[in-house]
Amino acid sequence: MLDWPQDVKEVAKQLGVRKFGVIGASGGGAYTLACSYAIPEQLEFSVVMGSWGPVAAEPKLWEEMAPLDRFFGKLSGRSPWIFYLPFSFLGYAAKRMSHQGFMKSLESSMSEADKRLAADEEVAQFYADDIAEAFRQGVRGPADDAIILYREWGFKVEEIEIEVQLFHGEEDRFAPYSYALYFDEKIPQTKLYGYPKEGHLFIIQLFSEVFKQISQ
C-alpha cells in the first residue's frame, strides 16, 4: 500500500506539480489514506468516498464485510493464483453479461438503495464499463490491488496528520458505514458527511458536492 504514495509523488514531480489534492472512492479510499499518511506535506486536501476499511487490522470491520467480500478476503490469505481465478469472474461478467445482468450478480453486496440505483440503465452501464476497463489488461492488476486491501496496510490511520473528509452512504453494504465511523474516531482530524438512505453506488452522483466542499 505504501508504494502507491511514492508513485503519486513521482508523477507529480514529472508534471511539475508541487501541491495537489487526493480523492479516492471505494477501494481507492485506502490509497488516498496512504497518501494522507505518507506525503501530507504535498496535499492540499484529502477526500475519501465510501471508503474500504483496514479489515485485516480490525476483526470487527472484517466481520462486517458483505458475503462476497468475506469470500474474497479469505482467499486473499492464500496463494495469489488461487485468488485470481474466482476474482477474474468479475471482469468476465462485466464484459460478457448485460449491464443489468452484471449488476444482478453483485446484489448480495447491495442495500435496497443500491438496488434501486442499479436498476437505472445509465448507472448500470457506468459500473459495468468501469469494471470491464479495470480488467482490460487481465486479472492480475485489479486482483493484486484487492489483495492489498484485504491485508495489513502498513500504516495506522491514527497517525495521519492532515484533515480527511469522509463522504459515506449510511446504507452502504459494499463498504459499510461503520468504516466511516471508524475513520472518524481514529483519524485525529476529520469531517464526516453521512448520507441517510444512501448506499455505495450513489458515490458517482456526489462529485459536484465534493468539489463544492473542498473549494470552500
Protein backbone atom coordinates (compact mmCIF):
# COMPACT_ATOMS: atom_id res chain seq x y z
CA MET A 1 0.00 0.00 0.00
CA LEU A 2 2.76 2.46 0.89
CA ASP A 3 4.41 2.04 -2.52
CA TRP A 4 1.46 3.96 -4.00
CA PRO A 5 2.16 7.41 -2.45
CA GLN A 6 5.69 7.31 -3.83
CA ASP A 7 4.31 6.66 -7.32
CA VAL A 8 1.90 9.58 -6.88
CA LYS A 9 4.77 11.77 -5.68
CA GLU A 10 6.87 10.87 -8.72
CA VAL A 11 4.02 11.56 -11.15
CA ALA A 12 3.50 14.98 -9.54
CA LYS A 13 7.23 15.69 -9.86
CA GLN A 14 7.24 14.76 -13.55
CA LEU A 15 4.23 17.04 -14.11
CA GLY A 16 5.83 19.90 -12.19
CA VAL A 17 3.03 19.93 -9.60
CA ARG A 18 4.20 20.74 -6.07
CA LYS A 19 0.88 20.74 -4.22
CA PHE A 20 -2.27 18.80 -5.06
CA GLY A 21 -5.24 17.02 -3.50
CA VAL A 22 -6.31 13.40 -3.46
CA ILE A 23 -9.79 11.90 -3.79
CA GLY A 24 -10.46 8.16 -3.54
CA ALA A 25 -13.73 6.27 -3.83
CA SER A 26 -14.47 2.76 -2.54
CA GLY A 27 -11.21 0.76 -2.56
CA GLY A 28 -9.44 3.89 -3.78
CA GLY A 29 -10.14 5.47 -0.40
CA ALA A 30 -7.46 3.29 1.18
CA TYR A 31 -4.85 4.55 -1.28
CA THR A 32 -5.93 8.12 -0.58
CA LEU A 33 -5.42 7.47 3.14
CA ALA A 34 -1.98 6.04 2.35
CA CYS A 35 -1.11 9.33 0.62
CA SER A 36 -2.51 11.27 3.57
CA TYR A 37 -0.18 9.34 5.85
CA ALA A 38 2.96 9.24 3.71
CA ILE A 39 3.07 12.55 1.77
CA PRO A 40 0.96 15.02 3.82
CA GLU A 41 3.30 17.92 3.06
CA GLN A 42 2.21 17.86 -0.59
CA LEU A 43 -1.53 17.60 -0.09
CA GLU A 44 -4.00 20.47 -0.27
CA PHE A 45 -6.89 18.18 0.68
CA SER A 46 -7.78 14.53 1.25
CA VAL A 47 -11.22 13.10 0.48
CA VAL A 48 -12.45 9.51 0.78
CA MET A 49 -15.87 8.45 -0.51
CA GLY A 50 -17.46 5.19 0.56
CA SER A 51 -14.00 4.01 1.57
CA TRP A 52 -12.87 0.50 2.32
CA GLY A 53 -11.57 -0.08 5.86
CA PRO A 54 -8.45 -1.78 7.29
CA VAL A 55 -10.19 -5.13 7.71
CA ALA A 56 -7.02 -7.15 8.38
CA ALA A 57 -6.12 -4.95 11.35
CA GLU A 58 -9.63 -4.73 12.81
CA PRO A 59 -11.55 -8.03 13.24
CA LYS A 60 -14.84 -6.17 13.79
CA LEU A 61 -14.52 -4.47 10.39
CA TRP A 62 -13.70 -7.83 8.80
CA GLU A 63 -16.89 -9.36 10.18
CA GLU A 64 -18.97 -6.50 8.73
CA MET A 65 -17.91 -7.20 5.15
CA ALA A 66 -20.55 -8.26 2.62
CA PRO A 67 -20.66 -12.02 1.85
CA LEU A 68 -18.83 -11.73 -1.49
CA ASP A 69 -16.01 -9.72 0.12
CA ARG A 70 -15.71 -12.17 3.01
CA PHE A 71 -15.24 -14.92 0.41
CA PHE A 72 -12.53 -12.99 -1.43
CA GLY A 73 -11.00 -11.86 1.85
CA LYS A 74 -10.46 -15.44 2.95
CA LEU A 75 -8.90 -16.34 -0.40
CA SER A 76 -6.56 -13.34 -0.19
CA GLY A 77 -4.57 -15.03 2.57
CA ARG A 78 -3.64 -17.90 0.26
CA SER A 79 -1.61 -18.04 -2.93
CA PRO A 80 -2.40 -15.16 -5.32
CA TRP A 81 -3.10 -17.70 -8.09
CA ILE A 82 -5.89 -19.22 -6.01
CA PHE A 83 -7.36 -15.73 -5.66
CA TYR A 84 -7.03 -14.80 -9.33
CA LEU A 85 -9.34 -17.47 -10.73
CA PRO A 86 -12.63 -16.62 -8.92
CA PHE A 87 -11.79 -12.90 -8.93
CA SER A 88 -11.49 -12.97 -12.72
CA PHE A 89 -15.24 -13.70 -12.85
CA LEU A 90 -15.91 -10.02 -12.08
CA GLY A 91 -14.09 -8.91 -15.21
CA TYR A 92 -15.64 -11.65 -17.33
CA ALA A 93 -19.15 -10.80 -16.10
CA ALA A 94 -18.66 -7.07 -16.72
CA LYS A 95 -17.53 -7.76 -20.30
CA ARG A 96 -19.90 -10.56 -21.29
CA MET A 97 -23.13 -10.09 -19.36
CA SER A 98 -25.73 -7.42 -19.97
CA HIS A 99 -25.30 -4.34 -17.77
CA GLN A 100 -28.31 -5.31 -15.71
CA GLY A 101 -27.16 -8.93 -15.55
CA PHE A 102 -23.81 -7.81 -14.19
CA MET A 103 -25.43 -5.66 -11.51
CA LYS A 104 -27.65 -8.59 -10.54
CA SER A 105 -24.52 -10.67 -9.91
CA LEU A 106 -23.50 -8.16 -7.22
CA GLU A 107 -26.83 -7.99 -5.40
CA SER A 108 -25.58 -9.89 -2.33
CA SER A 109 -23.48 -6.80 -1.54
CA MET A 110 -26.21 -4.25 -2.29
CA SER A 111 -28.53 -2.37 0.02
CA GLU A 112 -32.05 -1.58 -1.15
CA ALA A 113 -30.85 1.91 -2.06
CA ASP A 114 -28.17 0.41 -4.30
CA LYS A 115 -30.64 -1.96 -5.94
CA ARG A 116 -32.83 0.99 -6.89
CA LEU A 117 -29.88 2.83 -8.42
CA ALA A 118 -28.64 -0.31 -10.18
CA ALA A 119 -31.98 -0.57 -11.98
CA ASP A 120 -31.10 2.66 -13.82
CA GLU A 121 -29.51 1.65 -17.13
CA GLU A 122 -27.10 4.59 -17.15
CA VAL A 123 -25.78 3.72 -13.68
CA ALA A 124 -25.55 0.02 -14.58
CA GLN A 125 -23.61 0.79 -17.74
CA PHE A 126 -21.22 3.09 -15.88
CA TYR A 127 -20.31 0.42 -13.33
CA ALA A 128 -20.10 -2.44 -15.81
CA ASP A 129 -17.86 -0.38 -18.12
CA ASP A 130 -15.73 0.71 -15.15
CA ILE A 131 -15.09 -2.88 -14.04
CA ALA A 132 -14.50 -4.07 -17.60
CA GLU A 133 -11.88 -1.37 -18.09
CA ALA A 134 -10.11 -2.39 -14.87
CA PHE A 135 -9.77 -5.93 -16.23
CA ARG A 136 -8.94 -4.93 -19.80
CA GLN A 137 -5.29 -6.00 -19.45
CA GLY A 138 -6.08 -9.10 -17.41
CA VAL A 139 -6.93 -10.10 -13.87
CA ARG A 140 -3.57 -9.65 -12.16
CA GLY A 141 -3.64 -5.86 -11.71
CA PRO A 142 -7.09 -5.49 -10.12
CA ALA A 143 -6.65 -8.74 -8.18
CA ASP A 144 -3.34 -7.62 -6.68
CA ASP A 145 -4.94 -4.29 -5.72
CA ALA A 146 -7.76 -6.16 -3.99
CA ILE A 147 -5.35 -8.47 -2.12
CA ILE A 148 -3.53 -5.39 -0.80
CA LEU A 149 -6.82 -4.02 0.54
CA TYR A 150 -7.62 -7.25 2.38
CA ARG A 151 -4.18 -7.41 4.03
CA GLU A 152 -2.35 -5.15 6.52
CA TRP A 153 -1.90 -1.69 5.00
CA GLY A 154 1.46 -0.91 6.57
CA PHE A 155 0.37 2.19 8.48
CA LYS A 156 -2.11 3.21 11.17
CA VAL A 157 -4.79 5.74 10.27
CA GLU A 158 -4.35 7.23 13.76
CA GLU A 159 -1.00 8.57 12.54
CA ILE A 160 -2.48 10.65 9.69
CA GLU A 161 -1.63 14.29 10.43
CA ILE A 162 -3.86 16.15 7.99
CA GLU A 163 -7.62 16.56 7.82
CA VAL A 164 -9.52 13.86 5.95
CA GLN A 165 -13.03 14.50 4.63
CA LEU A 166 -15.28 11.44 4.73
CA PHE A 167 -18.33 11.04 2.45
CA HIS A 168 -20.32 7.86 3.02
CA GLY A 169 -23.81 6.45 2.45
CA GLU A 170 -25.28 5.15 5.69
CA GLU A 171 -26.91 2.17 3.91
CA ASP A 172 -23.67 1.12 2.20
CA ARG A 173 -23.03 -2.64 2.25
CA PHE A 174 -20.08 -2.77 -0.15
CA ALA A 175 -18.11 -0.66 2.34
CA PRO A 176 -20.28 -0.45 5.49
CA TYR A 177 -20.90 2.93 7.12
CA SER A 178 -19.14 1.59 10.21
CA TYR A 179 -15.90 2.02 8.24
CA ALA A 180 -16.52 5.77 8.02
CA LEU A 181 -17.35 5.88 11.74
CA TYR A 182 -14.11 4.03 12.45
CA PHE A 183 -12.09 6.58 10.47
CA ASP A 184 -13.94 9.44 12.13
CA GLU A 185 -13.00 8.06 15.53
CA LYS A 186 -9.38 7.10 14.77
CA ILE A 187 -8.10 9.83 12.44
CA PRO A 188 -7.29 12.95 14.52
CA GLN A 189 -8.80 15.48 12.06
CA THR A 190 -11.89 14.60 10.05
CA LYS A 191 -15.12 15.94 8.66
CA LEU A 192 -17.77 13.26 8.24
CA TYR A 193 -20.65 13.68 5.81
CA GLY A 194 -23.11 10.81 6.24
CA TYR A 195 -25.99 10.28 3.82
CA PRO A 196 -29.05 8.51 5.28
CA LYS A 197 -30.89 6.10 2.96
CA GLU A 198 -27.99 6.05 0.50
CA GLY A 199 -25.77 3.10 -0.37
CA HIS A 200 -22.49 2.71 -2.26
CA LEU A 201 -23.44 3.32 -5.86
CA PHE A 202 -24.59 6.89 -5.26
CA ILE A 203 -20.93 7.91 -5.00
CA ILE A 204 -20.94 8.73 -8.71
CA GLN A 205 -23.58 11.40 -8.04
CA LEU A 206 -21.55 13.05 -5.27
CA PHE A 207 -18.61 14.60 -7.09
CA SER A 208 -20.13 18.06 -7.58
CA GLU A 209 -20.88 18.23 -3.87
CA VAL A 210 -17.38 17.05 -3.00
CA PHE A 211 -15.80 19.69 -5.23
CA LYS A 212 -18.00 22.33 -3.59
CA GLN A 213 -16.81 21.30 -0.12
CA ILE A 214 -13.09 21.24 -0.93
CA SER A 215 -13.23 24.61 -2.68
CA GLN A 216 -14.53 26.39 0.42
